[in-house]
Amino acid sequence: MNSTRLIDFSKSIGVSQGTLSEIEQNKYYPSTETIMAIHTNFHVDIQWNLFG
């Protein structure tokens, strides 16, 4: 994903780019609010988001 899309994605789920990077690197677990924002905005299954 290019940086513009990452910026838009992080804004749409309510986290900073730094937090998004840490989530991607498994340094930080997403909050319930972040998981719900991903589900609501991008229709990603909650169970898939939690368990892969």
PDB file of N, CA and C in Angstrom:
ATOM      1  N   MET A   1       0.862  -1.170   0.000  1.00  0.00           N
ATOM      2  CA  MET A   1       0.000   0.000   0.000  1.00  0.00           C
ATOM      3  C   MET A   1       0.902   1.225   0.000  1.00  0.00           C
ATOM      4  N   ASN A   2       0.575   2.217  -0.820  1.00  0.00           N
ATOM      5  CA  ASN A   2       1.420   3.404  -0.821  1.00  0.00           C
ATOM      6  C   ASN A   2       1.094   4.296   0.371  1.00  0.00           C
ATOM      7  N   SER A   3       1.968   5.269   0.639  1.00  0.00           N
ATOM      8  CA  SER A   3       1.838   6.064   1.866  1.00  0.00           C
ATOM      9  C   SER A   3       0.555   6.874   1.916  1.00  0.00           C
ATOM     10  N   THR A   4       0.067   7.372   0.784  1.00  0.00           N
ATOM     11  CA  THR A   4      -1.185   8.128   0.784  1.00  0.00           C
ATOM     12  C   THR A   4      -2.339   7.241   1.210  1.00  0.00           C
ATOM     13  N   ARG A   5      -2.368   6.030   0.696  1.00  0.00           N
ATOM     14  CA  ARG A   5      -3.436   5.109   1.070  1.00  0.00           C
ATOM     15  C   ARG A   5      -3.331   4.724   2.539  1.00  0.00           C
ATOM     16  N   LEU A   6      -2.111   4.563   3.051  1.00  0.00           N
ATOM     17  CA  LEU A   6      -1.937   4.250   4.472  1.00  0.00           C
ATOM     18  C   LEU A   6      -2.423   5.397   5.346  1.00  0.00           C
ATOM     19  N   ILE A   7      -2.151   6.617   4.919  1.00  0.00           N
ATOM     20  CA  ILE A   7      -2.617   7.790   5.663  1.00  0.00           C
ATOM     21  C   ILE A   7      -4.139   7.788   5.710  1.00  0.00           C
ATOM     22  N   ASP A   8      -4.765   7.577   4.563  1.00  0.00           N
ATOM     23  CA  ASP A   8      -6.223   7.552   4.497  1.00  0.00           C
ATOM     24  C   ASP A   8      -6.794   6.405   5.336  1.00  0.00           C
ATOM     25  N   PHE A   9      -6.165   5.240   5.253  1.00  0.00           N
ATOM     26  CA  PHE A   9      -6.630   4.089   6.022  1.00  0.00           C
ATOM     27  C   PHE A   9      -6.524   4.367   7.514  1.00  0.00           C
ATOM     28  N   SER A  10      -5.374   4.867   7.954  1.00  0.00           N
ATOM     29  CA  SER A  10      -5.205   5.117   9.392  1.00  0.00           C
ATOM     30  C   SER A  10      -6.205   6.164   9.881  1.00  0.00           C
ATOM     31  N   LYS A  11      -6.442   7.195   9.086  1.00  0.00           N
ATOM     32  CA  LYS A  11      -7.433   8.210   9.478  1.00  0.00           C
ATOM     33  C   LYS A  11      -8.828   7.611   9.560  1.00  0.00           C
ATOM     34  N   SER A  12      -9.161   6.749   8.610  1.00  0.00           N
ATOM     35  CA  SER A  12     -10.519   6.205   8.572  1.00  0.00           C
ATOM     36  C   SER A  12     -10.810   5.260   9.739  1.00  0.00           C
ATOM     37  N   ILE A  13      -9.759   4.681  10.328  1.00  0.00           N
ATOM     38  CA  ILE A  13      -9.975   3.804  11.487  1.00  0.00           C
ATOM     39  C   ILE A  13      -9.612   4.484  12.801  1.00  0.00           C
ATOM     40  N   GLY A  14      -9.195   5.744  12.720  1.00  0.00           N
ATOM     41  CA  GLY A  14      -8.978   6.535  13.927  1.00  0.00           C
ATOM     42  C   GLY A  14      -7.688   6.277  14.667  1.00  0.00           C
ATOM     43  N   VAL A  15      -6.631   5.869  13.945  1.00  0.00           N
ATOM     44  CA  VAL A  15      -5.329   5.681  14.583  1.00  0.00           C
ATOM     45  C   VAL A  15      -4.271   6.469  13.815  1.00  0.00           C
ATOM     46  N   SER A  16      -3.154   6.722  14.463  1.00  0.00           N
ATOM     47  CA  SER A  16      -2.056   7.413  13.794  1.00  0.00           C
ATOM     48  C   SER A  16      -1.303   6.437  12.897  1.00  0.00           C
ATOM     49  N   GLN A  17      -0.502   6.971  11.997  1.00  0.00           N
ATOM     50  CA  GLN A  17       0.319   6.119  11.142  1.00  0.00           C
ATOM     51  C   GLN A  17       1.285   5.298  11.979  1.00  0.00           C
ATOM     52  N   GLY A  18       1.809   5.890  13.042  1.00  0.00           N
ATOM     53  CA  GLY A  18       2.732   5.175  13.922  1.00  0.00           C
ATOM     54  C   GLY A  18       2.060   3.994  14.601  1.00  0.00           C
ATOM     55  N   THR A  19       0.851   4.203  15.082  1.00  0.00           N
ATOM     56  CA  THR A  19       0.099   3.115  15.714  1.00  0.00           C
ATOM     57  C   THR A  19      -0.204   2.022  14.704  1.00  0.00           C
ATOM     58  N   LEU A  20      -0.615   2.409  13.494  1.00  0.00           N
ATOM     59  CA  LEU A  20      -0.890   1.432  12.450  1.00  0.00           C
ATOM     60  C   LEU A  20       0.356   0.606  12.162  1.00  0.00           C
ATOM     61  N   SER A  21       1.499   1.242  12.086  1.00  0.00           N
ATOM     62  CA  SER A  21       2.752   0.529  11.852  1.00  0.00           C
ATOM     63  C   SER A  21       3.034  -0.466  12.976  1.00  0.00           C
ATOM     64  N   GLU A  22       2.807  -0.056  14.217  1.00  0.00           N
ATOM     65  CA  GLU A  22       3.044  -0.945  15.358  1.00  0.00           C
ATOM     66  C   GLU A  22       2.071  -2.119  15.364  1.00  0.00           C
ATOM     67  N   ILE A  23       0.827  -1.887  14.937  1.00  0.00           N
ATOM     68  CA  ILE A  23      -0.135  -2.983  14.834  1.00  0.00           C
ATOM     69  C   ILE A  23       0.346  -3.970  13.779  1.00  0.00           C
ATOM     70  N   GLU A  24       0.796  -3.465  12.646  1.00  0.00           N
ATOM     71  CA  GLU A  24       1.283  -4.333  11.564  1.00  0.00           C
ATOM     72  C   GLU A  24       2.490  -5.161  11.997  1.00  0.00           C
ATOM     73  N   GLN A  25       3.302  -4.612  12.885  1.00  0.00           N
ATOM     74  CA  GLN A  25       4.509  -5.295  13.350  1.00  0.00           C
ATOM     75  C   GLN A  25       4.265  -6.123  14.613  1.00  0.00           C
ATOM     76  N   ASN A  26       3.006  -6.254  15.005  1.00  0.00           N
ATOM     77  CA  ASN A  26       2.617  -6.995  16.211  1.00  0.00           C
ATOM     78  C   ASN A  26       3.255  -6.457  17.481  1.00  0.00           C
ATOM     79  N   LYS A  27       3.541  -5.159  17.510  1.00  0.00           N
ATOM     80  CA  LYS A  27       4.068  -4.518  18.715  1.00  0.00           C
ATOM     81  C   LYS A  27       2.934  -3.965  19.568  1.00  0.00           C
ATOM     82  N   TYR A  28       1.762  -3.863  18.958  1.00  0.00           N
ATOM     83  CA  TYR A  28       0.612  -3.246  19.609  1.00  0.00           C
ATOM     84  C   TYR A  28      -0.627  -3.975  19.116  1.00  0.00           C
ATOM     85  N   TYR A  29      -1.558  -4.240  20.017  1.00  0.00           N
ATOM     86  CA  TYR A  29      -2.807  -4.883  19.632  1.00  0.00           C
ATOM     87  C   TYR A  29      -3.862  -3.809  19.409  1.00  0.00           C
ATOM     88  N   PRO A  30      -4.666  -3.955  18.362  1.00  0.00           N
ATOM     89  CA  PRO A  30      -5.693  -2.943  18.110  1.00  0.00           C
ATOM     90  C   PRO A  30      -6.774  -2.975  19.186  1.00  0.00           C
ATOM     91  N   SER A  31      -7.295  -1.815  19.474  1.00  0.00           N
ATOM     92  CA  SER A  31      -8.390  -1.718  20.448  1.00  0.00           C
ATOM     93  C   SER A  31      -9.679  -2.249  19.825  1.00  0.00           C
ATOM     94  N   THR A  32     -10.650  -2.461  20.674  1.00  0.00           N
ATOM     95  CA  THR A  32     -11.968  -2.874  20.198  1.00  0.00           C
ATOM     96  C   THR A  32     -12.522  -1.831  19.230  1.00  0.00           C
ATOM     97  N   GLU A  33     -12.303  -0.559  19.529  1.00  0.00           N
ATOM     98  CA  GLU A  33     -12.788   0.515  18.668  1.00  0.00           C
ATOM     99  C   GLU A  33     -12.126   0.458  17.296  1.00  0.00           C
ATOM    100  N   THR A  34     -10.835   0.145  17.251  1.00  0.00           N
ATOM    101  CA  THR A  34     -10.121   0.045  15.976  1.00  0.00           C
ATOM    102  C   THR A  34     -10.626  -1.137  15.164  1.00  0.00           C
ATOM    103  N   ILE A  35     -10.830  -2.265  15.824  1.00  0.00           N
ATOM    104  CA  ILE A  35     -11.352  -3.450  15.134  1.00  0.00           C
ATOM    105  C   ILE A  35     -12.746  -3.164  14.584  1.00  0.00           C
ATOM    106  N   MET A  36     -13.574  -2.495  15.364  1.00  0.00           N
ATOM    107  CA  MET A  36     -14.919  -2.156  14.893  1.00  0.00           C
ATOM    108  C   MET A  36     -14.874  -1.161  13.738  1.00  0.00           C
ATOM    109  N   ALA A  37     -13.945  -0.221  13.774  1.00  0.00           N
ATOM    110  CA  ALA A  37     -13.812   0.749  12.681  1.00  0.00           C
ATOM    111  C   ALA A  37     -13.399   0.048  11.388  1.00  0.00           C
ATOM    112  N   ILE A  38     -12.498  -0.916  11.477  1.00  0.00           N
ATOM    113  CA  ILE A  38     -12.093  -1.682  10.294  1.00  0.00           C
ATOM    114  C   ILE A  38     -13.286  -2.471   9.765  1.00  0.00           C
ATOM    115  N   HIS A  39     -14.034  -3.074  10.664  1.00  0.00           N
ATOM    116  CA  HIS A  39     -15.220  -3.840  10.271  1.00  0.00           C
ATOM    117  C   HIS A  39     -16.257  -2.933   9.597  1.00  0.00           C
ATOM    118  N   THR A  40     -16.531  -1.804  10.210  1.00  0.00           N
ATOM    119  CA  THR A  40     -17.559  -0.893   9.709  1.00  0.00           C
ATOM    120  C   THR A  40     -17.165  -0.256   8.382  1.00  0.00           C
ATOM    121  N   ASN A  41     -15.935   0.222   8.292  1.00  0.00           N
ATOM    122  CA  ASN A  41     -15.506   0.969   7.101  1.00  0.00           C
ATOM    123  C   ASN A  41     -15.087   0.086   5.933  1.00  0.00           C
ATOM    124  N   PHE A  42     -14.608  -1.124   6.225  1.00  0.00           N
ATOM    125  CA  PHE A  42     -14.052  -1.960   5.164  1.00  0.00           C
ATOM    126  C   PHE A  42     -14.689  -3.349   5.095  1.00  0.00           C
ATOM    127  N   HIS A  43     -15.712  -3.588   5.925  1.00  0.00           N
ATOM    128  CA  HIS A  43     -16.474  -4.838   5.904  1.00  0.00           C
ATOM    129  C   HIS A  43     -15.589  -6.070   6.083  1.00  0.00           C
ATOM    130  N   VAL A  44     -14.591  -5.936   6.966  1.00  0.00           N
ATOM    131  CA  VAL A  44     -13.707  -7.060   7.288  1.00  0.00           C
ATOM    132  C   VAL A  44     -14.340  -7.828   8.447  1.00  0.00           C
ATOM    133  N   ASP A  45     -14.421  -9.136   8.293  1.00  0.00           N
ATOM    134  CA  ASP A  45     -15.004  -9.987   9.321  1.00  0.00           C
ATOM    135  C   ASP A  45     -14.247  -9.825  10.638  1.00  0.00           C
ATOM    136  N   ILE A  46     -14.976  -9.635  11.712  1.00  0.00           N
ATOM    137  CA  ILE A  46     -14.363  -9.416  13.021  1.00  0.00           C
ATOM    138  C   ILE A  46     -13.552 -10.629  13.453  1.00  0.00           C
ATOM    139  N   GLN A  47     -14.083 -11.836  13.279  1.00  0.00           N
ATOM    140  CA  GLN A  47     -13.332 -13.026  13.672  1.00  0.00           C
ATOM    141  C   GLN A  47     -12.043 -13.151  12.872  1.00  0.00           C
ATOM    142  N   TRP A  48     -12.078 -12.845  11.584  1.00  0.00           N
ATOM    143  CA  TRP A  48     -10.859 -12.905  10.780  1.00  0.00           C
ATOM    144  C   TRP A  48      -9.864 -11.879  11.294  1.00  0.00           C
ATOM    145  N   ASN A  49     -10.358 -10.706  11.646  1.00  0.00           N
ATOM    146  CA  ASN A  49      -9.485  -9.644  12.156  1.00  0.00           C
ATOM    147  C   ASN A  49      -8.822 -10.063  13.461  1.00  0.00           C
ATOM    148  N   LEU A  50      -9.534 -10.810  14.289  1.00  0.00           N
ATOM    149  CA  LEU A  50      -8.980 -11.233  15.570  1.00  0.00           C
ATOM    150  C   LEU A  50      -8.091 -12.468  15.466  1.00  0.00           C
ATOM    151  N   PHE A  51      -8.479 -13.423  14.626  1.00  0.00           N
ATOM    152  CA  PHE A  51      -7.800 -14.721  14.629  1.00  0.00           C
ATOM    153  C   PHE A  51      -7.082 -15.069  13.338  1.00  0.00           C
ATOM    154  N   GLY A  52      -7.238 -14.224  12.318  1.00  0.00           N
ATOM    155  CA  GLY A  52      -6.536 -14.448  11.052  1.00  0.00           C
ATOM    156  C   GLY A  52      -7.154 -15.454  10.142  1.00  0.00           C
TER     157      GLY A  52
END
